[in-house]
Amino acid sequence: MITRFSLLLVLIVTAACGGSSSAPTGGTVTVRVAHFPNLTHAVAMVALANGGVRTALAPNTVEVKTFGTGPQAIEALLAGEIDIAYVGPSPAVNGYVKSRGEALRVIAGASSGGALFVIRPEAGIRTPADLAGKRIATPQRGGTQDIALRVLARDAGLKTADEGGTFAIVPTQPADILTSFQRGQIDGAWVAEPWGTRLIQEAGATVWFDERSKWPGERFATTHVIVATRFLEAHPDLVRAFLRAHVDAVQWIDGHQTEAAALANREIARITTAALPPAVLETAFRHVDYTWDPLASTVAVMADHAFQLGFLGTSTPDLSALYALEPLNAVLKEKGLPPVAGGSR
């Protein structure tokens, strides 16, 4: 009988042997990069749209893929379909643990903040206890906001509907969350930007809290840059080149907020066929901080929460090899910037 883990190992081995980026001619490869059309992934959209990544990786080619959720991107990486991806910390940790630390490494941070818990004003939600009997949406079961919501419910002494309780967590694609909210089918949502601001401006939601308020210094990892271990080992030079473009993009965003927001919005429009309204863009972009620091101390907390909730197996996960920050720190040294070790930038 083939177990789920056995199948996972087969996928990893297949990726390592033949599913990774190929070198068809002249020693060049196709580097497959994934991200989401979210503002928390603005660094990816900027670095790709302004040509920074393609220039850094030339003469190799870059193939860009977009996903709606972190778990989808992780499955693609495990199947050998992508090499580098921008994903939330919870899916990254989950993929790392499921592959027994073999499949991926975190090589940089990309964003902090940018997650809101919004509610229908008439839902009467003022304290966590008020979630009893309510329906709250998250982008996908096991995702970063989904884990955070389950911890909030647990700490309030609530059982979710899948545990026999009355509090329903409804994993839903972000665009469908907006529709469900407008129809009154859900009472709230914990989502990354721009969806929180869209729910406020387009569906009459109010902010229960900005997740930044729940973390020391109002900083917590929202998006990581991960790489398939096979790709890191085969092409360390390309990983470092990619990270140069990544750091350049973060620095450019810091000094060009208006232009960066507009560029990210053009990419969102190209990918989804619908640009964000100016009011949504301006507000949502301010809710996100862009950084190359993976903020590993906050990820350790998230991983502990996921383990306690049963998402990371039956034994405490060993995250000692999750991070491979040597390429990033080499790039930062080149640029005269301080190294990161999972602390604050």
C-alpha atoms as a PDB file:
ATOM      1  CA  MET A   1       0.000   0.000   0.000  1.00  0.00           C
ATOM      2  CA  ILE A   2       1.372   3.391  -0.988  1.00  0.00           C
ATOM      3  CA  THR A   3       1.064   5.833   1.890  1.00  0.00           C
ATOM      4  CA  ARG A   4       0.745   9.592   1.443  1.00  0.00           C
ATOM      5  CA  PHE A   5       4.281  10.031   2.718  1.00  0.00           C
ATOM      6  CA  SER A   6       5.635   7.360   0.379  1.00  0.00           C
ATOM      7  CA  LEU A   7       4.010   9.164  -2.532  1.00  0.00           C
ATOM      8  CA  LEU A   8       5.550  12.422  -1.339  1.00  0.00           C
ATOM      9  CA  LEU A   9       9.008  10.863  -1.304  1.00  0.00           C
ATOM     10  CA  VAL A  10       8.448   9.565  -4.829  1.00  0.00           C
ATOM     11  CA  LEU A  11       7.558  13.073  -5.969  1.00  0.00           C
ATOM     12  CA  ILE A  12      10.651  14.530  -4.332  1.00  0.00           C
ATOM     13  CA  VAL A  13      12.950  11.922  -5.844  1.00  0.00           C
ATOM     14  CA  THR A  14      11.298  12.393  -9.241  1.00  0.00           C
ATOM     15  CA  ALA A  15      11.829  16.155  -8.989  1.00  0.00           C
ATOM     16  CA  ALA A  16      15.457  15.680  -8.061  1.00  0.00           C
ATOM     17  CA  CYS A  17      16.122  13.282 -10.893  1.00  0.00           C
ATOM     18  CA  GLY A  18      14.176  14.766 -13.764  1.00  0.00           C
ATOM     19  CA  GLY A  19      11.486  17.193 -12.693  1.00  0.00           C
ATOM     20  CA  SER A  20      13.764  20.111 -11.922  1.00  0.00           C
ATOM     21  CA  SER A  21      14.795  22.948 -14.203  1.00  0.00           C
ATOM     22  CA  SER A  22      16.551  21.553 -17.213  1.00  0.00           C
ATOM     23  CA  ALA A  23      19.630  22.722 -19.087  1.00  0.00           C
ATOM     24  CA  PRO A  24      18.584  22.227 -22.722  1.00  0.00           C
ATOM     25  CA  THR A  25      21.433  23.981 -24.538  1.00  0.00           C
ATOM     26  CA  GLY A  26      24.480  26.045 -23.761  1.00  0.00           C
ATOM     27  CA  GLY A  27      24.302  25.243 -20.085  1.00  0.00           C
ATOM     28  CA  THR A  28      21.322  27.531 -19.490  1.00  0.00           C
ATOM     29  CA  VAL A  29      18.312  26.602 -17.378  1.00  0.00           C
ATOM     30  CA  THR A  30      14.712  27.667 -17.003  1.00  0.00           C
ATOM     31  CA  VAL A  31      14.099  29.004 -13.515  1.00  0.00           C
ATOM     32  CA  ARG A  32      10.470  28.568 -12.492  1.00  0.00           C
ATOM     33  CA  VAL A  33       9.300  31.219 -10.040  1.00  0.00           C
ATOM     34  CA  ALA A  34       5.898  31.297  -8.314  1.00  0.00           C
ATOM     35  CA  HIS A  35       3.966  33.961  -6.420  1.00  0.00           C
ATOM     36  CA  PHE A  36       0.404  35.110  -5.698  1.00  0.00           C
ATOM     37  CA  PRO A  37      -1.326  38.229  -7.089  1.00  0.00           C
ATOM     38  CA  ASN A  38      -1.535  39.680  -3.559  1.00  0.00           C
ATOM     39  CA  LEU A  39       0.004  42.857  -2.188  1.00  0.00           C
ATOM     40  CA  THR A  40       1.884  40.773   0.374  1.00  0.00           C
ATOM     41  CA  HIS A  41       3.748  39.434  -2.694  1.00  0.00           C
ATOM     42  CA  ALA A  42       4.481  42.877  -4.136  1.00  0.00           C
ATOM     43  CA  VAL A  43       8.250  42.275  -3.966  1.00  0.00           C
ATOM     44  CA  ALA A  44       7.840  39.352  -6.352  1.00  0.00           C
ATOM     45  CA  MET A  45       5.688  41.345  -8.761  1.00  0.00           C
ATOM     46  CA  VAL A  46       8.076  44.311  -8.711  1.00  0.00           C
ATOM     47  CA  ALA A  47      11.204  42.185  -9.159  1.00  0.00           C
ATOM     48  CA  LEU A  48       9.645  40.304 -12.056  1.00  0.00           C
ATOM     49  CA  ALA A  49       7.836  43.173 -13.760  1.00  0.00           C
ATOM     50  CA  ASN A  50      10.755  45.603 -13.704  1.00  0.00           C
ATOM     51  CA  GLY A  51      13.037  43.021 -15.255  1.00  0.00           C
ATOM     52  CA  GLY A  52      15.284  42.727 -12.212  1.00  0.00           C
ATOM     53  CA  VAL A  53      14.981  38.961 -11.883  1.00  0.00           C
ATOM     54  CA  ARG A  54      15.378  38.280 -15.597  1.00  0.00           C
ATOM     55  CA  THR A  55      18.425  40.536 -15.804  1.00  0.00           C
ATOM     56  CA  ALA A  56      19.988  38.934 -12.732  1.00  0.00           C
ATOM     57  CA  LEU A  57      19.444  35.415 -14.077  1.00  0.00           C
ATOM     58  CA  ALA A  58      20.379  36.059 -17.717  1.00  0.00           C
ATOM     59  CA  PRO A  59      21.144  34.304 -19.998  1.00  0.00           C
ATOM     60  CA  ASN A  60      18.900  31.788 -18.265  1.00  0.00           C
ATOM     61  CA  THR A  61      15.165  32.090 -18.801  1.00  0.00           C
ATOM     62  CA  VAL A  62      12.518  32.739 -16.173  1.00  0.00           C
ATOM     63  CA  GLU A  63       9.098  31.107 -16.171  1.00  0.00           C
ATOM     64  CA  VAL A  64       6.546  32.686 -13.850  1.00  0.00           C
ATOM     65  CA  LYS A  65       3.619  30.817 -12.328  1.00  0.00           C
ATOM     66  CA  THR A  66       0.888  32.254 -10.112  1.00  0.00           C
ATOM     67  CA  PHE A  67      -1.146  30.504  -7.432  1.00  0.00           C
ATOM     68  CA  GLY A  68      -4.061  31.449  -5.222  1.00  0.00           C
ATOM     69  CA  THR A  69      -2.901  29.804  -1.994  1.00  0.00           C
ATOM     70  CA  GLY A  70       0.261  28.637  -0.272  1.00  0.00           C
ATOM     71  CA  PRO A  71      -0.617  24.941  -0.062  1.00  0.00           C
ATOM     72  CA  GLN A  72      -1.137  24.879  -3.834  1.00  0.00           C
ATOM     73  CA  ALA A  73       2.318  26.353  -4.389  1.00  0.00           C
ATOM     74  CA  ILE A  74       3.901  23.873  -1.971  1.00  0.00           C
ATOM     75  CA  GLU A  75       2.312  20.935  -3.766  1.00  0.00           C
ATOM     76  CA  ALA A  76       3.710  22.257  -7.041  1.00  0.00           C
ATOM     77  CA  LEU A  77       7.181  22.570  -5.535  1.00  0.00           C
ATOM     78  CA  LEU A  78       7.017  19.049  -4.120  1.00  0.00           C
ATOM     79  CA  ALA A  79       5.974  17.781  -7.537  1.00  0.00           C
ATOM     80  CA  GLY A  80       9.042  19.415  -9.108  1.00  0.00           C
ATOM     81  CA  GLU A  81       7.021  22.010 -11.020  1.00  0.00           C
ATOM     82  CA  ILE A  82       8.578  25.153  -9.516  1.00  0.00           C
ATOM     83  CA  ASP A  83      12.009  26.093  -8.199  1.00  0.00           C
ATOM     84  CA  ILE A  84      11.562  29.315  -6.211  1.00  0.00           C
ATOM     85  CA  ALA A  85       8.352  30.545  -4.648  1.00  0.00           C
ATOM     86  CA  TYR A  86       6.907  33.332  -2.543  1.00  0.00           C
ATOM     87  CA  VAL A  87       4.631  31.687   0.053  1.00  0.00           C
ATOM     88  CA  GLY A  88       3.290  32.209   3.548  1.00  0.00           C
ATOM     89  CA  PRO A  89       5.274  30.797   6.470  1.00  0.00           C
ATOM     90  CA  SER A  90       2.706  28.181   7.505  1.00  0.00           C
ATOM     91  CA  PRO A  91       2.607  26.399   4.116  1.00  0.00           C
ATOM     92  CA  ALA A  92       6.412  26.644   3.938  1.00  0.00           C
ATOM     93  CA  VAL A  93       6.827  24.993   7.325  1.00  0.00           C
ATOM     94  CA  ASN A  94       4.186  22.401   6.496  1.00  0.00           C
ATOM     95  CA  GLY A  95       5.929  21.429   3.259  1.00  0.00           C
ATOM     96  CA  TYR A  96       9.281  21.261   5.035  1.00  0.00           C
ATOM     97  CA  VAL A  97       7.940  19.013   7.796  1.00  0.00           C
ATOM     98  CA  LYS A  98       5.973  16.737   5.480  1.00  0.00           C
ATOM     99  CA  SER A  99       9.108  16.126   3.445  1.00  0.00           C
ATOM    100  CA  ARG A 100      11.125  15.477   6.614  1.00  0.00           C
ATOM    101  CA  GLY A 101      13.183  18.575   5.987  1.00  0.00           C
ATOM    102  CA  GLU A 102      14.256  17.495   2.514  1.00  0.00           C
ATOM    103  CA  ALA A 103      12.168  19.411  -0.014  1.00  0.00           C
ATOM    104  CA  LEU A 104      12.704  23.118   0.570  1.00  0.00           C
ATOM    105  CA  ARG A 105      14.623  25.875   2.320  1.00  0.00           C
ATOM    106  CA  VAL A 106      13.630  29.426   3.292  1.00  0.00           C
ATOM    107  CA  ILE A 107      16.163  31.782   1.730  1.00  0.00           C
ATOM    108  CA  ALA A 108      14.656  35.188   2.574  1.00  0.00           C
ATOM    109  CA  GLY A 109      11.675  37.063   3.872  1.00  0.00           C
ATOM    110  CA  ALA A 110       9.455  39.169   1.617  1.00  0.00           C
ATOM    111  CA  SER A 111       6.801  40.860   3.738  1.00  0.00           C
ATOM    112  CA  SER A 112       5.564  41.484   7.258  1.00  0.00           C
ATOM    113  CA  GLY A 113       2.026  42.381   8.243  1.00  0.00           C
ATOM    114  CA  GLY A 114      -0.709  42.854   5.684  1.00  0.00           C
ATOM    115  CA  ALA A 115      -3.313  40.603   7.319  1.00  0.00           C
ATOM    116  CA  LEU A 116      -6.649  41.823   8.691  1.00  0.00           C
ATOM    117  CA  PHE A 117      -9.504  40.185  10.567  1.00  0.00           C
ATOM    118  CA  VAL A 118     -12.657  41.848   9.270  1.00  0.00           C
ATOM    119  CA  ILE A 119     -16.256  41.269  10.325  1.00  0.00           C
ATOM    120  CA  ARG A 120     -19.837  42.150   9.419  1.00  0.00           C
ATOM    121  CA  PRO A 121     -20.878  44.965  11.806  1.00  0.00           C
ATOM    122  CA  GLU A 122     -24.197  43.234  12.521  1.00  0.00           C
ATOM    123  CA  ALA A 123     -22.464  39.966  13.494  1.00  0.00           C
ATOM    124  CA  GLY A 124     -21.929  41.230  17.025  1.00  0.00           C
ATOM    125  CA  ILE A 125     -18.326  40.046  17.289  1.00  0.00           C
ATOM    126  CA  ARG A 126     -16.497  41.985  19.987  1.00  0.00           C
ATOM    127  CA  THR A 127     -14.539  39.284  21.827  1.00  0.00           C
ATOM    128  CA  PRO A 128     -13.222  35.855  20.775  1.00  0.00           C
ATOM    129  CA  ALA A 129     -16.067  34.232  22.703  1.00  0.00           C
ATOM    130  CA  ASP A 130     -18.492  35.893  20.285  1.00  0.00           C
ATOM    131  CA  LEU A 131     -17.191  33.644  17.503  1.00  0.00           C
ATOM    132  CA  ALA A 132     -19.417  30.843  18.825  1.00  0.00           C
ATOM    133  CA  GLY A 133     -22.073  30.134  16.218  1.00  0.00           C
ATOM    134  CA  LYS A 134     -20.340  32.263  13.595  1.00  0.00           C
ATOM    135  CA  ARG A 135     -18.882  31.459  10.169  1.00  0.00           C
ATOM    136  CA  ILE A 136     -15.428  32.910   9.450  1.00  0.00           C
ATOM    137  CA  ALA A 137     -13.539  32.460   6.194  1.00  0.00           C
ATOM    138  CA  THR A 138      -9.820  31.916   5.617  1.00  0.00           C
ATOM    139  CA  PRO A 139      -8.086  31.410   2.237  1.00  0.00           C
ATOM    140  CA  GLN A 140      -7.315  27.702   2.791  1.00  0.00           C
ATOM    141  CA  ARG A 141      -7.206  25.116   5.536  1.00  0.00           C
ATOM    142  CA  GLY A 142      -3.705  24.943   6.987  1.00  0.00           C
ATOM    143  CA  GLY A 143      -2.718  28.336   5.582  1.00  0.00           C
ATOM    144  CA  THR A 144      -1.179  31.108   7.654  1.00  0.00           C
ATOM    145  CA  GLN A 145      -4.430  32.890   8.539  1.00  0.00           C
ATOM    146  CA  ASP A 146      -6.271  29.593   9.018  1.00  0.00           C
ATOM    147  CA  ILE A 147      -3.771  28.481  11.670  1.00  0.00           C
ATOM    148  CA  ALA A 148      -3.962  31.862  13.404  1.00  0.00           C
ATOM    149  CA  LEU A 149      -7.755  31.703  13.509  1.00  0.00           C
ATOM    150  CA  ARG A 150      -7.772  28.201  14.973  1.00  0.00           C
ATOM    151  CA  VAL A 151      -5.373  29.320  17.697  1.00  0.00           C
ATOM    152  CA  LEU A 152      -7.623  32.271  18.495  1.00  0.00           C
ATOM    153  CA  ALA A 153     -10.611  29.931  18.809  1.00  0.00           C
ATOM    154  CA  ARG A 154      -8.704  27.438  20.943  1.00  0.00           C
ATOM    155  CA  ASP A 155      -7.480  30.135  23.304  1.00  0.00           C
ATOM    156  CA  ALA A 156     -11.085  31.328  23.682  1.00  0.00           C
ATOM    157  CA  GLY A 157     -12.176  27.796  24.648  1.00  0.00           C
ATOM    158  CA  LEU A 158     -14.163  27.318  21.428  1.00  0.00           C
ATOM    159  CA  LYS A 159     -14.437  24.152  19.401  1.00  0.00           C
ATOM    160  CA  THR A 160     -14.593  24.471  15.645  1.00  0.00           C
ATOM    161  CA  ALA A 161     -17.349  22.769  13.683  1.00  0.00           C
ATOM    162  CA  ASP A 162     -14.952  20.032  12.529  1.00  0.00           C
ATOM    163  CA  GLU A 163     -14.284  19.347  16.224  1.00  0.00           C
ATOM    164  CA  GLY A 164     -17.988  19.142  17.021  1.00  0.00           C
ATOM    165  CA  GLY A 165     -18.375  22.781  18.052  1.00  0.00           C
ATOM    166  CA  THR A 166     -20.471  25.650  16.747  1.00  0.00           C
ATOM    167  CA  PHE A 167     -17.714  27.868  15.355  1.00  0.00           C
ATOM    168  CA  ALA A 168     -17.308  27.243  11.614  1.00  0.00           C
ATOM    169  CA  ILE A 169     -14.052  28.021   9.821  1.00  0.00           C
ATOM    170  CA  VAL A 170     -14.787  28.148   6.105  1.00  0.00           C
ATOM    171  CA  PRO A 171     -11.728  27.733   3.816  1.00  0.00           C
ATOM    172  CA  THR A 172     -12.581  29.761   0.710  1.00  0.00           C
ATOM    173  CA  GLN A 173     -10.730  31.238  -2.246  1.00  0.00           C
ATOM    174  CA  PRO A 174     -10.218  34.989  -1.649  1.00  0.00           C
ATOM    175  CA  ALA A 175     -12.429  36.144  -4.550  1.00  0.00           C
ATOM    176  CA  ASP A 176     -15.206  33.874  -3.296  1.00  0.00           C
ATOM    177  CA  ILE A 177     -14.773  35.262   0.228  1.00  0.00           C
ATOM    178  CA  LEU A 178     -15.740  38.683  -1.110  1.00  0.00           C
ATOM    179  CA  THR A 179     -18.842  37.290  -2.818  1.00  0.00           C
ATOM    180  CA  SER A 180     -19.858  35.275   0.270  1.00  0.00           C
ATOM    181  CA  PHE A 181     -19.404  38.330   2.475  1.00  0.00           C
ATOM    182  CA  GLN A 182     -21.536  40.486   0.184  1.00  0.00           C
ATOM    183  CA  ARG A 183     -24.284  37.841   0.310  1.00  0.00           C
ATOM    184  CA  GLY A 184     -24.171  37.594   4.095  1.00  0.00           C
ATOM    185  CA  GLN A 185     -23.089  33.955   3.998  1.00  0.00           C
ATOM    186  CA  ILE A 186     -20.119  34.507   6.319  1.00  0.00           C
ATOM    187  CA  ASP A 187     -19.677  36.686   9.401  1.00  0.00           C
ATOM    188  CA  GLY A 188     -16.034  37.611   8.916  1.00  0.00           C
ATOM    189  CA  ALA A 189     -12.728  36.732   7.341  1.00  0.00           C
ATOM    190  CA  TRP A 190      -9.042  36.650   8.224  1.00  0.00           C
ATOM    191  CA  VAL A 191      -7.231  37.474   4.989  1.00  0.00           C
ATOM    192  CA  ALA A 192      -4.098  38.987   3.484  1.00  0.00           C
ATOM    193  CA  GLU A 193      -4.174  42.257   1.593  1.00  0.00           C
ATOM    194  CA  PRO A 194      -5.695  43.480  -0.595  1.00  0.00           C
ATOM    195  CA  TRP A 195      -8.653  41.308   0.367  1.00  0.00           C
ATOM    196  CA  GLY A 196      -9.111  42.814   3.823  1.00  0.00           C
ATOM    197  CA  THR A 197      -9.386  46.313   2.416  1.00  0.00           C
ATOM    198  CA  ARG A 198     -11.612  45.120  -0.438  1.00  0.00           C
ATOM    199  CA  LEU A 199     -14.003  43.558   2.062  1.00  0.00           C
ATOM    200  CA  ILE A 200     -14.101  46.852   3.943  1.00  0.00           C
ATOM    201  CA  GLN A 201     -14.648  49.072   0.917  1.00  0.00           C
ATOM    202  CA  GLU A 202     -16.739  46.764  -1.261  1.00  0.00           C
ATOM    203  CA  ALA A 203     -18.709  44.699   1.257  1.00  0.00           C
ATOM    204  CA  GLY A 204     -19.128  46.989   4.273  1.00  0.00           C
ATOM    205  CA  ALA A 205     -16.847  45.016   6.588  1.00  0.00           C
ATOM    206  CA  THR A 206     -15.201  46.596   9.610  1.00  0.00           C
ATOM    207  CA  VAL A 207     -11.776  45.800  11.041  1.00  0.00           C
ATOM    208  CA  TRP A 208     -11.859  43.718  14.193  1.00  0.00           C
ATOM    209  CA  PHE A 209      -8.087  43.848  14.370  1.00  0.00           C
ATOM    210  CA  ASP A 210      -4.958  44.284  12.282  1.00  0.00           C
ATOM    211  CA  GLU A 211      -2.820  41.203  12.964  1.00  0.00           C
ATOM    212  CA  ARG A 212       0.229  43.406  13.514  1.00  0.00           C
ATOM    213  CA  SER A 213      -1.294  44.381  16.859  1.00  0.00           C
ATOM    214  CA  LYS A 214      -0.909  40.765  18.042  1.00  0.00           C
ATOM    215  CA  TRP A 215       2.887  40.615  17.602  1.00  0.00           C
ATOM    216  CA  PRO A 216       5.809  42.229  19.463  1.00  0.00           C
ATOM    217  CA  GLY A 217       6.983  45.267  17.559  1.00  0.00           C
ATOM    218  CA  GLU A 218       4.044  44.767  15.168  1.00  0.00           C
ATOM    219  CA  ARG A 219       6.258  42.610  12.952  1.00  0.00           C
ATOM    220  CA  PHE A 220       5.554  39.048  11.873  1.00  0.00           C
ATOM    221  CA  ALA A 221       6.355  37.017   8.789  1.00  0.00           C
ATOM    222  CA  THR A 222       3.678  37.093   6.117  1.00  0.00           C
ATOM    223  CA  THR A 223       5.614  35.990   3.044  1.00  0.00           C
ATOM    224  CA  HIS A 224       8.803  33.979   2.634  1.00  0.00           C
ATOM    225  CA  VAL A 225      10.987  33.204  -0.343  1.00  0.00           C
ATOM    226  CA  ILE A 226      11.567  29.467  -0.518  1.00  0.00           C
ATOM    227  CA  VAL A 227      13.645  27.352  -2.871  1.00  0.00           C
ATOM    228  CA  ALA A 228      13.511  23.674  -3.739  1.00  0.00           C
ATOM    229  CA  THR A 229      16.511  22.075  -2.036  1.00  0.00           C
ATOM    230  CA  ARG A 230      17.451  20.281  -5.254  1.00  0.00           C
ATOM    231  CA  PHE A 231      17.620  23.635  -7.059  1.00  0.00           C
ATOM    232  CA  LEU A 232      19.651  25.303  -4.304  1.00  0.00           C
ATOM    233  CA  GLU A 233      22.186  22.495  -4.385  1.00  0.00           C
ATOM    234  CA  ALA A 234      22.397  22.411  -8.184  1.00  0.00           C
ATOM    235  CA  HIS A 235      22.404  26.180  -8.814  1.00  0.00           C
ATOM    236  CA  PRO A 236      23.679  28.151  -5.795  1.00  0.00           C
ATOM    237  CA  ASP A 237      24.912  30.897  -8.129  1.00  0.00           C
ATOM    238  CA  LEU A 238      21.428  31.399  -9.555  1.00  0.00           C
ATOM    239  CA  VAL A 239      19.906  31.505  -6.085  1.00  0.00           C
ATOM    240  CA  ARG A 240      22.332  34.232  -5.077  1.00  0.00           C
ATOM    241  CA  ALA A 241      21.639  36.146  -8.304  1.00  0.00           C
ATOM    242  CA  PHE A 242      17.902  35.879  -7.651  1.00  0.00           C
ATOM    243  CA  LEU A 243      18.378  37.220  -4.135  1.00  0.00           C
ATOM    244  CA  ARG A 244      20.262  40.255  -5.457  1.00  0.00           C
ATOM    245  CA  ALA A 245      17.200  41.151  -7.492  1.00  0.00           C
ATOM    246  CA  HIS A 246      14.973  40.429  -4.510  1.00  0.00           C
ATOM    247  CA  VAL A 247      16.905  42.742  -2.178  1.00  0.00           C
ATOM    248  CA  ASP A 248      17.022  45.426  -4.868  1.00  0.00           C
ATOM    249  CA  ALA A 249      13.236  45.217  -5.196  1.00  0.00           C
ATOM    250  CA  VAL A 250      12.703  45.612  -1.434  1.00  0.00           C
ATOM    251  CA  GLN A 251      14.963  48.661  -1.389  1.00  0.00           C
ATOM    252  CA  TRP A 252      13.212  50.179  -4.393  1.00  0.00           C
ATOM    253  CA  ILE A 253       9.792  49.674  -2.801  1.00  0.00           C
ATOM    254  CA  ASP A 254      10.972  51.341   0.403  1.00  0.00           C
ATOM    255  CA  GLY A 255      11.946  54.463  -1.544  1.00  0.00           C
ATOM    256  CA  HIS A 256       9.163  54.449  -4.140  1.00  0.00           C
ATOM    257  CA  GLN A 257       5.943  53.502  -2.363  1.00  0.00           C
ATOM    258  CA  THR A 258       3.556  55.126  -4.838  1.00  0.00           C
ATOM    259  CA  GLU A 259       5.318  53.774  -7.913  1.00  0.00           C
ATOM    260  CA  ALA A 260       5.680  50.335  -6.347  1.00  0.00           C
ATOM    261  CA  ALA A 261       1.979  50.152  -5.504  1.00  0.00           C
ATOM    262  CA  ALA A 262       1.080  51.148  -9.063  1.00  0.00           C
ATOM    263  CA  LEU A 263       3.461  48.571 -10.549  1.00  0.00           C
ATOM    264  CA  ALA A 264       2.101  45.803  -8.317  1.00  0.00           C
ATOM    265  CA  ASN A 265      -1.438  46.812  -9.284  1.00  0.00           C
ATOM    266  CA  ARG A 266      -0.632  46.577 -12.979  1.00  0.00           C
ATOM    267  CA  GLU A 267       0.622  43.059 -12.376  1.00  0.00           C
ATOM    268  CA  ILE A 268      -2.503  42.153 -10.401  1.00  0.00           C
ATOM    269  CA  ALA A 269      -4.615  43.466 -13.290  1.00  0.00           C
ATOM    270  CA  ARG A 270      -2.587  41.484 -15.818  1.00  0.00           C
ATOM    271  CA  ILE A 271      -2.887  38.259 -13.818  1.00  0.00           C
ATOM    272  CA  THR A 272      -6.475  38.547 -12.596  1.00  0.00           C
ATOM    273  CA  THR A 273      -7.871  40.872 -15.327  1.00  0.00           C
ATOM    274  CA  ALA A 274      -9.060  43.288 -12.616  1.00  0.00           C
ATOM    275  CA  ALA A 275      -6.967  46.089 -11.144  1.00  0.00           C
ATOM    276  CA  LEU A 276      -7.538  47.222  -7.586  1.00  0.00           C
ATOM    277  CA  PRO A 277      -9.476  50.472  -7.224  1.00  0.00           C
ATOM    278  CA  PRO A 278      -7.168  53.361  -6.253  1.00  0.00           C
ATOM    279  CA  ALA A 279      -8.689  53.681  -2.770  1.00  0.00           C
ATOM    280  CA  VAL A 280      -8.189  49.966  -2.076  1.00  0.00           C
ATOM    281  CA  LEU A 281      -4.629  50.049  -3.385  1.00  0.00           C
ATOM    282  CA  GLU A 282      -3.578  53.081  -1.347  1.00  0.00           C
ATOM    283  CA  THR A 283      -4.994  51.758   1.926  1.00  0.00           C
ATOM    284  CA  ALA A 284      -3.972  48.113   1.540  1.00  0.00           C
ATOM    285  CA  PHE A 285      -0.392  48.899   0.522  1.00  0.00           C
ATOM    286  CA  ARG A 286       0.119  50.815   3.784  1.00  0.00           C
ATOM    287  CA  HIS A 287      -0.794  47.702   5.769  1.00  0.00           C
ATOM    288  CA  VAL A 288       2.233  45.759   4.464  1.00  0.00           C
ATOM    289  CA  ASP A 289       5.905  46.145   5.374  1.00  0.00           C
ATOM    290  CA  TYR A 290       8.414  44.758   2.881  1.00  0.00           C
ATOM    291  CA  THR A 291      11.591  43.102   4.135  1.00  0.00           C
ATOM    292  CA  TRP A 292      14.167  40.481   3.221  1.00  0.00           C
ATOM    293  CA  ASP A 293      14.316  39.294   6.853  1.00  0.00           C
ATOM    294  CA  PRO A 294      12.403  36.019   7.338  1.00  0.00           C
ATOM    295  CA  LEU A 295      11.544  37.025  10.937  1.00  0.00           C
ATOM    296  CA  ALA A 296      12.191  33.465  12.031  1.00  0.00           C
ATOM    297  CA  SER A 297      11.292  34.057  15.680  1.00  0.00           C
ATOM    298  CA  THR A 298       7.686  34.703  14.656  1.00  0.00           C
ATOM    299  CA  VAL A 299       7.691  31.659  12.406  1.00  0.00           C
ATOM    300  CA  ALA A 300       8.780  29.498  15.332  1.00  0.00           C
ATOM    301  CA  VAL A 301       5.649  30.636  17.182  1.00  0.00           C
ATOM    302  CA  MET A 302       3.469  29.864  14.164  1.00  0.00           C
ATOM    303  CA  ALA A 303       5.033  26.423  13.788  1.00  0.00           C
ATOM    304  CA  ASP A 304       4.405  25.656  17.444  1.00  0.00           C
ATOM    305  CA  HIS A 305       0.769  26.647  17.003  1.00  0.00           C
ATOM    306  CA  ALA A 306       0.415  24.463  13.915  1.00  0.00           C
ATOM    307  CA  PHE A 307       1.940  21.514  15.769  1.00  0.00           C
ATOM    308  CA  GLN A 308      -0.395  21.968  18.725  1.00  0.00           C
ATOM    309  CA  LEU A 309      -3.336  21.951  16.321  1.00  0.00           C
ATOM    310  CA  GLY A 310      -2.204  18.687  14.733  1.00  0.00           C
ATOM    311  CA  PHE A 311      -1.056  20.064  11.375  1.00  0.00           C
ATOM    312  CA  LEU A 312       2.609  19.049  11.729  1.00  0.00           C
ATOM    313  CA  GLY A 313       2.487  15.425  12.815  1.00  0.00           C
ATOM    314  CA  THR A 314       2.759  13.803  16.209  1.00  0.00           C
ATOM    315  CA  SER A 315       6.257  14.866  17.252  1.00  0.00           C
ATOM    316  CA  THR A 316       7.684  18.335  17.719  1.00  0.00           C
ATOM    317  CA  PRO A 317       9.057  19.433  14.341  1.00  0.00           C
ATOM    318  CA  ASP A 318      12.776  20.054  13.982  1.00  0.00           C
ATOM    319  CA  LEU A 319      13.160  23.315  12.036  1.00  0.00           C
ATOM    320  CA  SER A 320      16.942  23.518  12.409  1.00  0.00           C
ATOM    321  CA  ALA A 321      17.537  23.141   8.658  1.00  0.00           C
ATOM    322  CA  LEU A 322      14.535  25.184   7.473  1.00  0.00           C
ATOM    323  CA  TYR A 323      16.597  28.289   6.767  1.00  0.00           C
ATOM    324  CA  ALA A 324      19.446  28.613   4.281  1.00  0.00           C
ATOM    325  CA  LEU A 325      20.385  32.261   4.742  1.00  0.00           C
ATOM    326  CA  GLU A 326      24.012  32.094   3.639  1.00  0.00           C
ATOM    327  CA  PRO A 327      23.231  33.245   0.058  1.00  0.00           C
ATOM    328  CA  LEU A 328      21.133  36.151   1.349  1.00  0.00           C
ATOM    329  CA  ASN A 329      23.764  37.209   3.850  1.00  0.00           C
ATOM    330  CA  ALA A 330      26.412  37.088   1.137  1.00  0.00           C
ATOM    331  CA  VAL A 331      24.298  39.443  -0.961  1.00  0.00           C
ATOM    332  CA  LEU A 332      23.687  41.742   2.001  1.00  0.00           C
ATOM    333  CA  LYS A 333      27.431  41.856   2.691  1.00  0.00           C
ATOM    334  CA  GLU A 334      28.070  42.833  -0.927  1.00  0.00           C
ATOM    335  CA  LYS A 335      25.659  45.712  -0.493  1.00  0.00           C
ATOM    336  CA  GLY A 336      27.079  46.821   2.858  1.00  0.00           C
ATOM    337  CA  LEU A 337      23.940  45.759   4.724  1.00  0.00           C
ATOM    338  CA  PRO A 338      23.758  43.896   8.040  1.00  0.00           C
ATOM    339  CA  PRO A 339      23.207  40.121   7.944  1.00  0.00           C
ATOM    340  CA  VAL A 340      20.024  38.426   9.077  1.00  0.00           C
ATOM    341  CA  ALA A 341      19.787  35.404  11.307  1.00  0.00           C
ATOM    342  CA  GLY A 342      16.057  35.262  11.784  1.00  0.00           C
ATOM    343  CA  GLY A 343      15.983  38.376  13.938  1.00  0.00           C
ATOM    344  CA  SER A 344      14.824  41.874  13.127  1.00  0.00           C
ATOM    345  CA  ARG A 345      16.037  43.795  10.118  1.00  0.00           C
END
